[in-house]
Amino acid sequence: GTTYYPWKLDPDAFEDPATNNSDNNVDNI
């Protein structure tokens, strides 16, 4: 019942840590 999501970054927050709490809709890796 637990879903583990991929890493992604926020282009409007350059230095924020990567998150992994939802789908990544921009990268092809």
All heavy atoms as atom14 arrays in JSON, in Angstrom:
{
  "sequence": "GTTYYPWKLDPDAFEDPATNNSDNNVDNI",
  "atom14_mask": [
    [1, 1, 1, 1, 0, 0, 0, 0, 0, 0, 0, 0, 0, 0],
    [1, 1, 1, 1, 1, 1, 1, 0, 0, 0, 0, 0, 0, 0],
    [1, 1, 1, 1, 1, 1, 1, 0, 0, 0, 0, 0, 0, 0],
    [1, 1, 1, 1, 1, 1, 1, 1, 1, 1, 1, 1, 0, 0],
    [1, 1, 1, 1, 1, 1, 1, 1, 1, 1, 1, 1, 0, 0],
    [1, 1, 1, 1, 1, 1, 1, 0, 0, 0, 0, 0, 0, 0],
    [1, 1, 1, 1, 1, 1, 1, 1, 1, 1, 1, 1, 1, 1],
    [1, 1, 1, 1, 1, 1, 1, 1, 1, 0, 0, 0, 0, 0],
    [1, 1, 1, 1, 1, 1, 1, 1, 0, 0, 0, 0, 0, 0],
    [1, 1, 1, 1, 1, 1, 1, 1, 0, 0, 0, 0, 0, 0],
    [1, 1, 1, 1, 1, 1, 1, 0, 0, 0, 0, 0, 0, 0],
    [1, 1, 1, 1, 1, 1, 1, 1, 0, 0, 0, 0, 0, 0],
    [1, 1, 1, 1, 1, 0, 0, 0, 0, 0, 0, 0, 0, 0],
    [1, 1, 1, 1, 1, 1, 1, 1, 1, 1, 1, 0, 0, 0],
    [1, 1, 1, 1, 1, 1, 1, 1, 1, 0, 0, 0, 0, 0],
    [1, 1, 1, 1, 1, 1, 1, 1, 0, 0, 0, 0, 0, 0],
    [1, 1, 1, 1, 1, 1, 1, 0, 0, 0, 0, 0, 0, 0],
    [1, 1, 1, 1, 1, 0, 0, 0, 0, 0, 0, 0, 0, 0],
    [1, 1, 1, 1, 1, 1, 1, 0, 0, 0, 0, 0, 0, 0],
    [1, 1, 1, 1, 1, 1, 1, 1, 0, 0, 0, 0, 0, 0],
    [1, 1, 1, 1, 1, 1, 1, 1, 0, 0, 0, 0, 0, 0],
    [1, 1, 1, 1, 1, 1, 0, 0, 0, 0, 0, 0, 0, 0],
    [1, 1, 1, 1, 1, 1, 1, 1, 0, 0, 0, 0, 0, 0],
    [1, 1, 1, 1, 1, 1, 1, 1, 0, 0, 0, 0, 0, 0],
    [1, 1, 1, 1, 1, 1, 1, 1, 0, 0, 0, 0, 0, 0],
    [1, 1, 1, 1, 1, 1, 1, 0, 0, 0, 0, 0, 0, 0],
    [1, 1, 1, 1, 1, 1, 1, 1, 0, 0, 0, 0, 0, 0],
    [1, 1, 1, 1, 1, 1, 1, 1, 0, 0, 0, 0, 0, 0],
    [1, 1, 1, 1, 1, 1, 1, 1, 0, 0, 0, 0, 0, 0]
  ],
  "atom14_positions": [
    [[0.78, -1.23, 0.0], [0.0, 0.0, 0.0], [0.81, 1.28, 0.0], [0.25, 2.38, -0.05], [0.0, 0.0, 0.0], [0.0, 0.0, 0.0], [0.0, 0.0, 0.0], [0.0, 0.0, 0.0], [0.0, 0.0, 0.0], [0.0, 0.0, 0.0], [0.0, 0.0, 0.0], [0.0, 0.0, 0.0], [0.0, 0.0, 0.0], [0.0, 0.0, 0.0]],
    [[2.13, 1.17, 0.05], [3.01, 2.35, 0.01], [3.56, 2.51, -1.39], [4.01, 1.53, -2.01], [4.16, 2.23, 1.01], [3.62, 2.1, 2.33], [5.07, 3.45, 0.96], [0.0, 0.0, 0.0], [0.0, 0.0, 0.0], [0.0, 0.0, 0.0], [0.0, 0.0, 0.0], [0.0, 0.0, 0.0], [0.0, 0.0, 0.0], [0.0, 0.0, 0.0]],
    [[3.55, 3.74, -1.91], [4.1, 4.05, -3.23], [5.35, 4.9, -3.07], [5.33, 5.92, -2.38], [3.08, 4.81, -4.08], [1.9, 4.01, -4.24], [3.65, 5.13, -5.46], [0.0, 0.0, 0.0], [0.0, 0.0, 0.0], [0.0, 0.0, 0.0], [0.0, 0.0, 0.0], [0.0, 0.0, 0.0], [0.0, 0.0, 0.0], [0.0, 0.0, 0.0]],
    [[6.43, 4.46, -3.7], [7.7, 5.2, -3.69], [7.88, 5.85, -5.06], [7.84, 5.17, -6.09], [8.86, 4.26, -3.38], [8.74, 3.59, -2.03], [8.12, 2.35, -1.9], [9.25, 4.19, -0.88], [7.99, 1.72, -0.67], [9.13, 3.58, 0.37], [8.51, 2.35, 0.46], [8.39, 1.72, 1.68], [0.0, 0.0, 0.0], [0.0, 0.0, 0.0]],
    [[8.06, 7.17, -5.06], [8.09, 7.96, -6.29], [9.53, 8.35, -6.67], [10.44, 8.31, -5.84], [7.27, 9.24, -6.1], [5.78, 9.02, -6.0], [5.15, 8.92, -4.75], [4.99, 8.92, -7.14], [3.78, 8.72, -4.65], [3.62, 8.73, -7.05], [3.02, 8.63, -5.81], [1.67, 8.44, -5.71], [0.0, 0.0, 0.0], [0.0, 0.0, 0.0]],
    [[9.72, 8.81, -7.92], [11.06, 9.22, -8.37], [11.41, 10.63, -7.89], [10.55, 11.42, -7.5], [10.94, 9.17, -9.89], [9.49, 9.45, -10.17], [8.74, 8.82, -9.02], [0.0, 0.0, 0.0], [0.0, 0.0, 0.0], [0.0, 0.0, 0.0], [0.0, 0.0, 0.0], [0.0, 0.0, 0.0], [0.0, 0.0, 0.0], [0.0, 0.0, 0.0]],
    [[12.71, 10.93, -7.96], [13.21, 12.26, -7.63], [12.77, 13.28, -8.69], [12.63, 12.95, -9.86], [14.73, 12.26, -7.56], [15.33, 11.42, -6.48], [15.95, 10.21, -6.64], [15.39, 11.73, -5.09], [16.38, 9.75, -5.43], [16.06, 10.66, -4.45], [14.94, 12.8, -4.31], [16.3, 10.63, -3.08], [15.18, 12.78, -2.94], [15.85, 11.71, -2.34]],
    [[12.63, 14.52, -8.25], [12.4, 15.62, -9.17], [12.88, 16.92, -8.51], [13.03, 16.99, -7.28], [10.92, 15.73, -9.58], [9.95, 15.99, -8.45], [8.52, 16.05, -8.99], [7.52, 16.36, -7.9], [7.5, 15.35, -6.82], [0.0, 0.0, 0.0], [0.0, 0.0, 0.0], [0.0, 0.0, 0.0], [0.0, 0.0, 0.0], [0.0, 0.0, 0.0]],
    [[13.09, 17.94, -9.34], [13.56, 19.24, -8.85], [12.57, 20.33, -9.23], [11.76, 20.17, -10.15], [14.95, 19.55, -9.44], [16.1, 18.66, -8.95], [17.36, 18.91, -9.78], [16.39, 18.89, -7.48], [0.0, 0.0, 0.0], [0.0, 0.0, 0.0], [0.0, 0.0, 0.0], [0.0, 0.0, 0.0], [0.0, 0.0, 0.0], [0.0, 0.0, 0.0]],
    [[12.68, 21.47, -8.54], [11.8, 22.62, -8.77], [12.6, 23.73, -9.42], [13.49, 24.31, -8.8], [11.22, 23.11, -7.44], [10.23, 24.26, -7.6], [10.09, 24.78, -8.73], [9.61, 24.66, -6.59], [0.0, 0.0, 0.0], [0.0, 0.0, 0.0], [0.0, 0.0, 0.0], [0.0, 0.0, 0.0], [0.0, 0.0, 0.0], [0.0, 0.0, 0.0]],
    [[12.32, 24.07, -10.7], [13.11, 25.1, -11.4], [12.91, 26.49, -10.85], [13.68, 27.41, -11.18], [12.62, 25.0, -12.85], [11.22, 24.46, -12.73], [11.25, 23.52, -11.56], [0.0, 0.0, 0.0], [0.0, 0.0, 0.0], [0.0, 0.0, 0.0], [0.0, 0.0, 0.0], [0.0, 0.0, 0.0], [0.0, 0.0, 0.0], [0.0, 0.0, 0.0]],
    [[11.89, 26.69, -10.02], [11.67, 28.0, -9.4], [12.27, 28.07, -8.01], [12.11, 29.08, -7.31], [10.17, 28.3, -9.35], [9.58, 28.48, -10.74], [10.19, 29.2, -11.55], [8.53, 27.87, -11.02], [0.0, 0.0, 0.0], [0.0, 0.0, 0.0], [0.0, 0.0, 0.0], [0.0, 0.0, 0.0], [0.0, 0.0, 0.0], [0.0, 0.0, 0.0]],
    [[12.93, 27.01, -7.59], [13.62, 26.98, -6.3], [14.93, 26.23, -6.52], [15.06, 25.06, -6.13], [12.75, 26.33, -5.23], [0.0, 0.0, 0.0], [0.0, 0.0, 0.0], [0.0, 0.0, 0.0], [0.0, 0.0, 0.0], [0.0, 0.0, 0.0], [0.0, 0.0, 0.0], [0.0, 0.0, 0.0], [0.0, 0.0, 0.0], [0.0, 0.0, 0.0]],
    [[15.9, 26.89, -7.16], [17.12, 26.25, -7.64], [17.83, 25.42, -6.58], [18.32, 24.34, -6.85], [18.11, 27.31, -8.13], [17.62, 28.17, -9.25], [17.9, 29.52, -9.26], [16.9, 27.63, -10.31], [17.47, 30.33, -10.3], [16.46, 28.43, -11.35], [16.74, 29.78, -11.34], [0.0, 0.0, 0.0], [0.0, 0.0, 0.0], [0.0, 0.0, 0.0]],
    [[17.91, 25.95, -5.36], [18.76, 25.34, -4.35], [18.0, 24.47, -3.37], [18.59, 23.92, -2.44], [19.53, 26.44, -3.6], [20.47, 27.21, -4.52], [21.36, 28.18, -3.78], [20.99, 28.58, -2.66], [22.43, 28.54, -4.31], [0.0, 0.0, 0.0], [0.0, 0.0, 0.0], [0.0, 0.0, 0.0], [0.0, 0.0, 0.0], [0.0, 0.0, 0.0]],
    [[16.7, 24.29, -3.56], [15.94, 23.42, -2.67], [16.31, 21.95, -2.9], [16.68, 21.56, -4.03], [14.44, 23.6, -2.92], [13.89, 24.85, -2.26], [14.7, 25.65, -1.74], [12.65, 25.04, -2.27], [0.0, 0.0, 0.0], [0.0, 0.0, 0.0], [0.0, 0.0, 0.0], [0.0, 0.0, 0.0], [0.0, 0.0, 0.0], [0.0, 0.0, 0.0]],
    [[16.18, 21.12, -1.87], [16.46, 19.7, -2.06], [15.49, 19.07, -3.05], [14.35, 19.53, -3.2], [16.26, 19.12, -0.65], [16.3, 20.26, 0.28], [15.82, 21.45, -0.48], [0.0, 0.0, 0.0], [0.0, 0.0, 0.0], [0.0, 0.0, 0.0], [0.0, 0.0, 0.0], [0.0, 0.0, 0.0], [0.0, 0.0, 0.0], [0.0, 0.0, 0.0]],
    [[15.93, 18.02, -3.72], [15.04, 17.25, -4.57], [13.96, 16.6, -3.72], [14.17, 16.28, -2.55], [15.83, 16.18, -5.32], [0.0, 0.0, 0.0], [0.0, 0.0, 0.0], [0.0, 0.0, 0.0], [0.0, 0.0, 0.0], [0.0, 0.0, 0.0], [0.0, 0.0, 0.0], [0.0, 0.0, 0.0], [0.0, 0.0, 0.0], [0.0, 0.0, 0.0]],
    [[12.78, 16.41, -4.3], [11.67, 15.75, -3.62], [11.33, 14.45, -4.34], [11.68, 14.25, -5.5], [10.43, 16.66, -3.57], [10.04, 17.0, -4.91], [10.73, 17.93, -2.8], [0.0, 0.0, 0.0], [0.0, 0.0, 0.0], [0.0, 0.0, 0.0], [0.0, 0.0, 0.0], [0.0, 0.0, 0.0], [0.0, 0.0, 0.0], [0.0, 0.0, 0.0]],
    [[10.63, 13.58, -3.62], [10.22, 12.3, -4.21], [8.86, 11.87, -3.66], [8.69, 10.74, -3.2], [11.28, 11.22, -3.96], [11.61, 11.04, -2.48], [11.11, 11.77, -1.63], [12.45, 10.07, -2.18], [0.0, 0.0, 0.0], [0.0, 0.0, 0.0], [0.0, 0.0, 0.0], [0.0, 0.0, 0.0], [0.0, 0.0, 0.0], [0.0, 0.0, 0.0]],
    [[7.92, 12.8, -3.74], [6.59, 12.54, -3.17], [5.48, 12.52, -4.22], [4.31, 12.46, -3.87], [6.28, 13.58, -2.1], [6.45, 15.01, -2.61], [6.6, 15.23, -3.81], [6.45, 15.96, -1.69], [0.0, 0.0, 0.0], [0.0, 0.0, 0.0], [0.0, 0.0, 0.0], [0.0, 0.0, 0.0], [0.0, 0.0, 0.0], [0.0, 0.0, 0.0]],
    [[5.82, 12.58, -5.5], [4.82, 12.52, -6.57], [5.52, 12.23, -7.89], [6.76, 12.16, -7.94], [4.03, 13.84, -6.66], [4.9, 14.92, -6.94], [0.0, 0.0, 0.0], [0.0, 0.0, 0.0], [0.0, 0.0, 0.0], [0.0, 0.0, 0.0], [0.0, 0.0, 0.0], [0.0, 0.0, 0.0], [0.0, 0.0, 0.0], [0.0, 0.0, 0.0]],
    [[4.75, 12.1, -8.97], [5.32, 11.77, -10.27], [6.26, 12.87, -10.78], [6.08, 14.05, -10.49], [4.21, 11.57, -11.3], [3.44, 10.28, -11.09], [4.0, 9.36, -10.47], [2.28, 10.2, -11.54], [0.0, 0.0, 0.0], [0.0, 0.0, 0.0], [0.0, 0.0, 0.0], [0.0, 0.0, 0.0], [0.0, 0.0, 0.0], [0.0, 0.0, 0.0]],
    [[7.23, 12.46, -11.57], [8.1, 13.37, -12.3], [7.55, 13.46, -13.73], [7.51, 12.47, -14.44], [9.54, 12.84, -12.31], [10.51, 13.73, -13.06], [10.17, 14.38, -14.04], [11.76, 13.74, -12.62], [0.0, 0.0, 0.0], [0.0, 0.0, 0.0], [0.0, 0.0, 0.0], [0.0, 0.0, 0.0], [0.0, 0.0, 0.0], [0.0, 0.0, 0.0]],
    [[7.14, 14.66, -14.15], [6.5, 14.84, -15.45], [7.35, 15.61, -16.45], [6.83, 16.08, -17.47], [5.15, 15.55, -15.27], [4.15, 14.69, -14.54], [4.0, 13.51, -14.83], [3.45, 15.28, -13.57], [0.0, 0.0, 0.0], [0.0, 0.0, 0.0], [0.0, 0.0, 0.0], [0.0, 0.0, 0.0], [0.0, 0.0, 0.0], [0.0, 0.0, 0.0]],
    [[8.66, 15.74, -16.19], [9.5, 16.51, -17.11], [10.73, 15.74, -17.59], [11.24, 16.0, -18.68], [9.95, 17.85, -16.48], [8.75, 18.74, -16.22], [10.77, 17.63, -15.22], [0.0, 0.0, 0.0], [0.0, 0.0, 0.0], [0.0, 0.0, 0.0], [0.0, 0.0, 0.0], [0.0, 0.0, 0.0], [0.0, 0.0, 0.0], [0.0, 0.0, 0.0]],
    [[11.25, 14.8, -16.8], [12.5, 14.12, -17.14], [12.26, 12.8, -17.87], [11.3, 12.1, -17.58], [13.31, 13.83, -15.88], [13.96, 15.07, -15.3], [14.96, 15.52, -15.87], [13.45, 15.59, -14.28], [0.0, 0.0, 0.0], [0.0, 0.0, 0.0], [0.0, 0.0, 0.0], [0.0, 0.0, 0.0], [0.0, 0.0, 0.0], [0.0, 0.0, 0.0]],
    [[13.16, 12.47, -18.78], [13.14, 11.13, -19.4], [14.19, 10.22, -18.77], [14.66, 9.26, -19.37], [13.29, 11.2, -20.92], [14.56, 11.88, -21.37], [15.05, 12.82, -20.73], [15.1, 11.45, -22.5], [0.0, 0.0, 0.0], [0.0, 0.0, 0.0], [0.0, 0.0, 0.0], [0.0, 0.0, 0.0], [0.0, 0.0, 0.0], [0.0, 0.0, 0.0]],
    [[14.56, 10.55, -17.55], [15.29, 9.66, -16.65], [14.59, 9.78, -15.3], [14.35, 10.89, -14.81], [16.79, 10.02, -16.54], [17.41, 9.4, -15.27], [16.99, 11.52, -16.51], [17.57, 7.93, -15.3], [0.0, 0.0, 0.0], [0.0, 0.0, 0.0], [0.0, 0.0, 0.0], [0.0, 0.0, 0.0], [0.0, 0.0, 0.0], [0.0, 0.0, 0.0]]
  ]
}
